[in-house]
């Protein structure tokens, strides 16, 4: 087995290219580009702290202008909704509209990936996920980028019961489903960051 990290990079790049092709196919009926589907997928997984244009910009690693144009198109098509934050009215929040949810459900942009990985054992998936997550965290640290991760693996997460947690940073209670969403405020636990 090849242990050269550059081989891993080549595989990740190739997989990324193939998945962009799949995204292009999924969005073709609606004339959507891969970036539009990436934005929709992100918003389908983003928690209440991470559903802003700035968080989306950081997550996708794109310019504000590109993300702004992406959001304008998605808004015009009725696939997303913008709304004011309940606490700070200056903050614009984003969410999928019913049409956006329906579009993702019907287009199934991740189906090709699910099919391609269906015969890989859960243990091998866990190992690959772990190695890629470590690489991602290190790249983000090296480039001073936002980390993003789910609340249930965040150092700020405080488990209150089987179904309820609290964000130690924001002080808010989180339901079980919320803890599995992507968060912009994410901070890796000490053992994951090492």
C-alpha atoms as a PDB file:
ATOM      1  CA  UNK A   1       0.000   0.000   0.000  1.00  0.00           C
ATOM      2  CA  UNK A   2       1.372   3.401  -0.983  1.00  0.00           C
ATOM      3  CA  UNK A   3       2.037   5.654   2.036  1.00  0.00           C
ATOM      4  CA  UNK A   4       3.009   8.726   0.032  1.00  0.00           C
ATOM      5  CA  UNK A   5       0.805  11.686   1.102  1.00  0.00           C
ATOM      6  CA  UNK A   6       0.973  13.083  -2.444  1.00  0.00           C
ATOM      7  CA  UNK A   7      -0.906  10.019  -3.670  1.00  0.00           C
ATOM      8  CA  UNK A   8      -3.624  10.885  -1.163  1.00  0.00           C
ATOM      9  CA  UNK A   9      -3.702  14.432  -2.541  1.00  0.00           C
ATOM     10  CA  UNK A  10      -4.051  13.114  -6.109  1.00  0.00           C
ATOM     11  CA  UNK A  11      -6.936  10.879  -5.026  1.00  0.00           C
ATOM     12  CA  UNK A  12      -8.700  13.705  -3.176  1.00  0.00           C
ATOM     13  CA  UNK A  13      -8.307  16.021  -6.173  1.00  0.00           C
ATOM     14  CA  UNK A  14      -9.622  13.385  -8.563  1.00  0.00           C
ATOM     15  CA  UNK A  15     -12.570  12.594  -6.290  1.00  0.00           C
ATOM     16  CA  UNK A  16     -13.306  16.323  -6.011  1.00  0.00           C
ATOM     17  CA  UNK A  17     -13.311  16.683  -9.781  1.00  0.00           C
ATOM     18  CA  UNK A  18     -15.624  13.707 -10.206  1.00  0.00           C
ATOM     19  CA  UNK A  19     -17.991  14.971  -7.525  1.00  0.00           C
ATOM     20  CA  UNK A  20     -18.123  18.416  -9.183  1.00  0.00           C
ATOM     21  CA  UNK A  21     -19.116  16.622 -12.392  1.00  0.00           C
ATOM     22  CA  UNK A  22     -21.879  14.856 -10.459  1.00  0.00           C
ATOM     23  CA  UNK A  23     -23.005  18.181  -8.969  1.00  0.00           C
ATOM     24  CA  UNK A  24     -23.066  19.667 -12.462  1.00  0.00           C
ATOM     25  CA  UNK A  25     -25.317  16.799 -13.598  1.00  0.00           C
ATOM     26  CA  UNK A  26     -27.589  17.197 -10.564  1.00  0.00           C
ATOM     27  CA  UNK A  27     -28.041  20.909 -11.237  1.00  0.00           C
ATOM     28  CA  UNK A  28     -28.279  20.752 -15.021  1.00  0.00           C
ATOM     29  CA  UNK A  29     -32.091  20.715 -15.215  1.00  0.00           C
ATOM     30  CA  UNK A  30     -32.201  23.949 -13.220  1.00  0.00           C
ATOM     31  CA  UNK A  31     -29.092  25.422 -14.921  1.00  0.00           C
ATOM     32  CA  UNK A  32     -27.261  25.409 -11.578  1.00  0.00           C
ATOM     33  CA  UNK A  33     -23.490  25.177 -11.302  1.00  0.00           C
ATOM     34  CA  UNK A  34     -21.648  23.057  -8.703  1.00  0.00           C
ATOM     35  CA  UNK A  35     -21.120  26.125  -6.474  1.00  0.00           C
ATOM     36  CA  UNK A  36     -24.890  26.591  -6.274  1.00  0.00           C
ATOM     37  CA  UNK A  37     -25.395  23.017  -5.144  1.00  0.00           C
ATOM     38  CA  UNK A  38     -22.499  23.298  -2.689  1.00  0.00           C
ATOM     39  CA  UNK A  39     -24.217  26.331  -1.157  1.00  0.00           C
ATOM     40  CA  UNK A  40     -27.542  24.492  -0.940  1.00  0.00           C
ATOM     41  CA  UNK A  41     -25.887  21.440   0.607  1.00  0.00           C
ATOM     42  CA  UNK A  42     -24.082  23.619   3.144  1.00  0.00           C
ATOM     43  CA  UNK A  43     -27.289  25.413   4.137  1.00  0.00           C
ATOM     44  CA  UNK A  44     -29.047  22.069   4.542  1.00  0.00           C
ATOM     45  CA  UNK A  45     -26.426  21.133   7.170  1.00  0.00           C
ATOM     46  CA  UNK A  46     -25.616  24.507   8.781  1.00  0.00           C
ATOM     47  CA  UNK A  47     -26.741  25.240  12.316  1.00  0.00           C
ATOM     48  CA  UNK A  48     -28.228  28.507  13.582  1.00  0.00           C
ATOM     49  CA  UNK A  49     -24.797  30.066  14.156  1.00  0.00           C
ATOM     50  CA  UNK A  50     -23.527  29.155  10.690  1.00  0.00           C
ATOM     51  CA  UNK A  51     -26.292  30.084   8.270  1.00  0.00           C
ATOM     52  CA  UNK A  52     -24.853  33.451   7.220  1.00  0.00           C
ATOM     53  CA  UNK A  53     -23.255  34.589   3.965  1.00  0.00           C
ATOM     54  CA  UNK A  54     -19.914  35.059   5.770  1.00  0.00           C
ATOM     55  CA  UNK A  55     -19.930  31.521   7.171  1.00  0.00           C
ATOM     56  CA  UNK A  56     -20.807  30.143   3.730  1.00  0.00           C
ATOM     57  CA  UNK A  57     -17.958  32.181   2.215  1.00  0.00           C
ATOM     58  CA  UNK A  58     -15.492  30.761   4.728  1.00  0.00           C
ATOM     59  CA  UNK A  59     -16.782  27.217   4.339  1.00  0.00           C
ATOM     60  CA  UNK A  60     -16.548  27.212   0.557  1.00  0.00           C
ATOM     61  CA  UNK A  61     -13.285  29.183   0.538  1.00  0.00           C
ATOM     62  CA  UNK A  62     -14.616  31.567  -2.094  1.00  0.00           C
ATOM     63  CA  UNK A  63     -14.700  35.338  -2.429  1.00  0.00           C
ATOM     64  CA  UNK A  64     -17.543  37.386  -0.988  1.00  0.00           C
ATOM     65  CA  UNK A  65     -18.475  38.440  -4.515  1.00  0.00           C
ATOM     66  CA  UNK A  66     -18.804  34.874  -5.767  1.00  0.00           C
ATOM     67  CA  UNK A  67     -20.910  33.871  -2.786  1.00  0.00           C
ATOM     68  CA  UNK A  68     -23.021  37.015  -3.100  1.00  0.00           C
ATOM     69  CA  UNK A  69     -23.767  36.218  -6.771  1.00  0.00           C
ATOM     70  CA  UNK A  70     -24.487  32.589  -5.857  1.00  0.00           C
ATOM     71  CA  UNK A  71     -26.956  33.651  -3.162  1.00  0.00           C
ATOM     72  CA  UNK A  72     -28.645  36.162  -5.470  1.00  0.00           C
ATOM     73  CA  UNK A  73     -29.274  33.461  -8.052  1.00  0.00           C
ATOM     74  CA  UNK A  74     -30.525  30.952  -5.466  1.00  0.00           C
ATOM     75  CA  UNK A  75     -32.797  33.610  -3.957  1.00  0.00           C
ATOM     76  CA  UNK A  76     -34.202  34.593  -7.389  1.00  0.00           C
ATOM     77  CA  UNK A  77     -34.899  30.922  -8.103  1.00  0.00           C
ATOM     78  CA  UNK A  78     -36.745  30.594  -4.783  1.00  0.00           C
ATOM     79  CA  UNK A  79     -34.352  27.941  -3.457  1.00  0.00           C
ATOM     80  CA  UNK A  80     -33.279  29.903  -0.364  1.00  0.00           C
ATOM     81  CA  UNK A  81     -34.803  32.456   1.973  1.00  0.00           C
ATOM     82  CA  UNK A  82     -33.102  35.364   3.715  1.00  0.00           C
ATOM     83  CA  UNK A  83     -34.275  36.586   7.106  1.00  0.00           C
ATOM     84  CA  UNK A  84     -33.141  38.854   9.915  1.00  0.00           C
ATOM     85  CA  UNK A  85     -31.503  37.452  13.011  1.00  0.00           C
ATOM     86  CA  UNK A  86     -33.841  37.493  16.017  1.00  0.00           C
ATOM     87  CA  UNK A  87     -31.255  39.165  18.244  1.00  0.00           C
ATOM     88  CA  UNK A  88     -29.159  41.307  15.894  1.00  0.00           C
ATOM     89  CA  UNK A  89     -31.282  42.689  13.045  1.00  0.00           C
ATOM     90  CA  UNK A  90     -28.132  43.609  11.088  1.00  0.00           C
ATOM     91  CA  UNK A  91     -27.288  39.927  10.621  1.00  0.00           C
ATOM     92  CA  UNK A  92     -28.747  38.215   7.555  1.00  0.00           C
ATOM     93  CA  UNK A  93     -29.577  34.553   8.025  1.00  0.00           C
ATOM     94  CA  UNK A  94     -30.142  32.028   5.245  1.00  0.00           C
ATOM     95  CA  UNK A  95     -32.177  28.854   5.004  1.00  0.00           C
ATOM     96  CA  UNK A  96     -33.413  26.532   2.323  1.00  0.00           C
ATOM     97  CA  UNK A  97     -36.895  27.280   1.121  1.00  0.00           C
ATOM     98  CA  UNK A  98     -39.377  24.463   0.704  1.00  0.00           C
ATOM     99  CA  UNK A  99     -38.463  24.510  -2.999  1.00  0.00           C
ATOM    100  CA  UNK A 100     -34.757  24.281  -2.099  1.00  0.00           C
ATOM    101  CA  UNK A 101     -35.356  21.299   0.165  1.00  0.00           C
ATOM    102  CA  UNK A 102     -37.443  19.644  -2.546  1.00  0.00           C
ATOM    103  CA  UNK A 103     -34.769  20.326  -5.165  1.00  0.00           C
ATOM    104  CA  UNK A 104     -32.039  18.686  -3.036  1.00  0.00           C
ATOM    105  CA  UNK A 105     -34.316  15.740  -2.316  1.00  0.00           C
ATOM    106  CA  UNK A 106     -35.128  15.207  -5.993  1.00  0.00           C
ATOM    107  CA  UNK A 107     -31.685  15.900  -7.460  1.00  0.00           C
ATOM    108  CA  UNK A 108     -29.835  13.766  -4.876  1.00  0.00           C
ATOM    109  CA  UNK A 109     -26.430  15.378  -5.471  1.00  0.00           C
ATOM    110  CA  UNK A 110     -24.643  13.004  -3.081  1.00  0.00           C
ATOM    111  CA  UNK A 111     -26.139   9.801  -4.491  1.00  0.00           C
ATOM    112  CA  UNK A 112     -23.097   9.037  -6.681  1.00  0.00           C
ATOM    113  CA  UNK A 113     -20.835   9.220  -3.610  1.00  0.00           C
ATOM    114  CA  UNK A 114     -23.155   7.011  -1.580  1.00  0.00           C
ATOM    115  CA  UNK A 115     -23.226   4.459  -4.390  1.00  0.00           C
ATOM    116  CA  UNK A 116     -19.448   4.545  -4.832  1.00  0.00           C
ATOM    117  CA  UNK A 117     -18.828   3.919  -1.108  1.00  0.00           C
ATOM    118  CA  UNK A 118     -21.603   1.388  -0.468  1.00  0.00           C
ATOM    119  CA  UNK A 119     -19.267  -1.630  -0.397  1.00  0.00           C
ATOM    120  CA  UNK A 120     -16.584  -0.090   1.814  1.00  0.00           C
ATOM    121  CA  UNK A 121     -16.686  -1.314   5.397  1.00  0.00           C
ATOM    122  CA  UNK A 122     -17.760   1.147   8.107  1.00  0.00           C
ATOM    123  CA  UNK A 123     -14.348   0.706   9.777  1.00  0.00           C
ATOM    124  CA  UNK A 124     -12.480   1.709   6.608  1.00  0.00           C
ATOM    125  CA  UNK A 125     -14.822   4.687   6.148  1.00  0.00           C
ATOM    126  CA  UNK A 126     -14.097   5.759   9.756  1.00  0.00           C
ATOM    127  CA  UNK A 127     -10.329   5.463   9.186  1.00  0.00           C
ATOM    128  CA  UNK A 128     -10.456   7.438   5.936  1.00  0.00           C
ATOM    129  CA  UNK A 129     -12.680  10.069   7.539  1.00  0.00           C
ATOM    130  CA  UNK A 130     -10.286  10.388  10.462  1.00  0.00           C
ATOM    131  CA  UNK A 131      -7.226  10.808   8.226  1.00  0.00           C
ATOM    132  CA  UNK A 132      -8.946  13.359   5.988  1.00  0.00           C
ATOM    133  CA  UNK A 133     -10.347  15.280   8.972  1.00  0.00           C
ATOM    134  CA  UNK A 134      -6.850  15.522  10.504  1.00  0.00           C
ATOM    135  CA  UNK A 135      -5.516  16.804   7.191  1.00  0.00           C
ATOM    136  CA  UNK A 136      -8.335  19.333   6.896  1.00  0.00           C
ATOM    137  CA  UNK A 137      -7.829  20.649  10.433  1.00  0.00           C
ATOM    138  CA  UNK A 138      -4.086  21.016   9.849  1.00  0.00           C
ATOM    139  CA  UNK A 139      -4.600  22.851   6.557  1.00  0.00           C
ATOM    140  CA  UNK A 140      -7.082  25.178   8.241  1.00  0.00           C
ATOM    141  CA  UNK A 141      -4.679  25.819  11.125  1.00  0.00           C
ATOM    142  CA  UNK A 142      -1.822  26.475   8.709  1.00  0.00           C
ATOM    143  CA  UNK A 143      -3.966  28.932   6.755  1.00  0.00           C
ATOM    144  CA  UNK A 144      -5.749  30.463   9.747  1.00  0.00           C
ATOM    145  CA  UNK A 145      -9.100  29.351   8.365  1.00  0.00           C
ATOM    146  CA  UNK A 146     -12.337  28.542  10.126  1.00  0.00           C
ATOM    147  CA  UNK A 147     -12.578  24.933  11.184  1.00  0.00           C
ATOM    148  CA  UNK A 148     -16.249  23.991  10.918  1.00  0.00           C
ATOM    149  CA  UNK A 149     -17.456  20.784  12.480  1.00  0.00           C
ATOM    150  CA  UNK A 150     -20.492  19.359  14.197  1.00  0.00           C
ATOM    151  CA  UNK A 151     -21.455  20.446  17.695  1.00  0.00           C
ATOM    152  CA  UNK A 152     -21.383  16.893  19.029  1.00  0.00           C
ATOM    153  CA  UNK A 153     -17.590  16.802  18.525  1.00  0.00           C
ATOM    154  CA  UNK A 154     -16.887  20.407  19.582  1.00  0.00           C
ATOM    155  CA  UNK A 155     -14.921  21.364  22.694  1.00  0.00           C
ATOM    156  CA  UNK A 156     -17.670  23.907  23.543  1.00  0.00           C
ATOM    157  CA  UNK A 157     -20.367  21.233  23.610  1.00  0.00           C
ATOM    158  CA  UNK A 158     -21.753  20.388  27.028  1.00  0.00           C
ATOM    159  CA  UNK A 159     -23.987  17.333  27.118  1.00  0.00           C
ATOM    160  CA  UNK A 160     -26.946  17.980  29.439  1.00  0.00           C
ATOM    161  CA  UNK A 161     -28.869  14.786  28.749  1.00  0.00           C
ATOM    162  CA  UNK A 162     -29.214  12.083  26.107  1.00  0.00           C
ATOM    163  CA  UNK A 163     -31.090  14.497  23.810  1.00  0.00           C
ATOM    164  CA  UNK A 164     -30.000  17.960  24.889  1.00  0.00           C
ATOM    165  CA  UNK A 165     -26.667  19.779  24.870  1.00  0.00           C
ATOM    166  CA  UNK A 166     -25.544  23.330  25.476  1.00  0.00           C
ATOM    167  CA  UNK A 167     -23.148  25.408  23.452  1.00  0.00           C
ATOM    168  CA  UNK A 168     -20.660  26.582  26.070  1.00  0.00           C
ATOM    169  CA  UNK A 169     -19.592  29.459  23.857  1.00  0.00           C
ATOM    170  CA  UNK A 170     -23.041  30.870  23.096  1.00  0.00           C
ATOM    171  CA  UNK A 171     -24.879  29.523  26.169  1.00  0.00           C
ATOM    172  CA  UNK A 172     -27.766  28.149  24.101  1.00  0.00           C
ATOM    173  CA  UNK A 173     -29.423  24.771  24.460  1.00  0.00           C
ATOM    174  CA  UNK A 174     -29.165  22.494  21.440  1.00  0.00           C
ATOM    175  CA  UNK A 175     -31.393  19.557  20.562  1.00  0.00           C
ATOM    176  CA  UNK A 176     -29.914  16.238  19.415  1.00  0.00           C
ATOM    177  CA  UNK A 177     -30.472  16.985  15.702  1.00  0.00           C
ATOM    178  CA  UNK A 178     -28.895  20.436  16.090  1.00  0.00           C
ATOM    179  CA  UNK A 179     -25.702  18.926  17.512  1.00  0.00           C
ATOM    180  CA  UNK A 180     -25.135  17.026  14.264  1.00  0.00           C
ATOM    181  CA  UNK A 181     -25.205  20.156  12.089  1.00  0.00           C
ATOM    182  CA  UNK A 182     -22.172  22.096  10.813  1.00  0.00           C
ATOM    183  CA  UNK A 183     -21.032  24.953  13.046  1.00  0.00           C
ATOM    184  CA  UNK A 184     -18.825  27.925  12.200  1.00  0.00           C
ATOM    185  CA  UNK A 185     -17.904  28.372  15.892  1.00  0.00           C
ATOM    186  CA  UNK A 186     -16.500  24.852  16.069  1.00  0.00           C
ATOM    187  CA  UNK A 187     -13.410  24.186  18.140  1.00  0.00           C
ATOM    188  CA  UNK A 188     -11.803  20.756  17.989  1.00  0.00           C
ATOM    189  CA  UNK A 189     -11.472  18.836  21.234  1.00  0.00           C
ATOM    190  CA  UNK A 190      -7.903  18.649  22.498  1.00  0.00           C
ATOM    191  CA  UNK A 191      -7.424  15.020  21.480  1.00  0.00           C
ATOM    192  CA  UNK A 192      -8.637  15.763  17.923  1.00  0.00           C
ATOM    193  CA  UNK A 193      -6.425  18.842  17.520  1.00  0.00           C
ATOM    194  CA  UNK A 194      -3.251  16.948  18.544  1.00  0.00           C
END
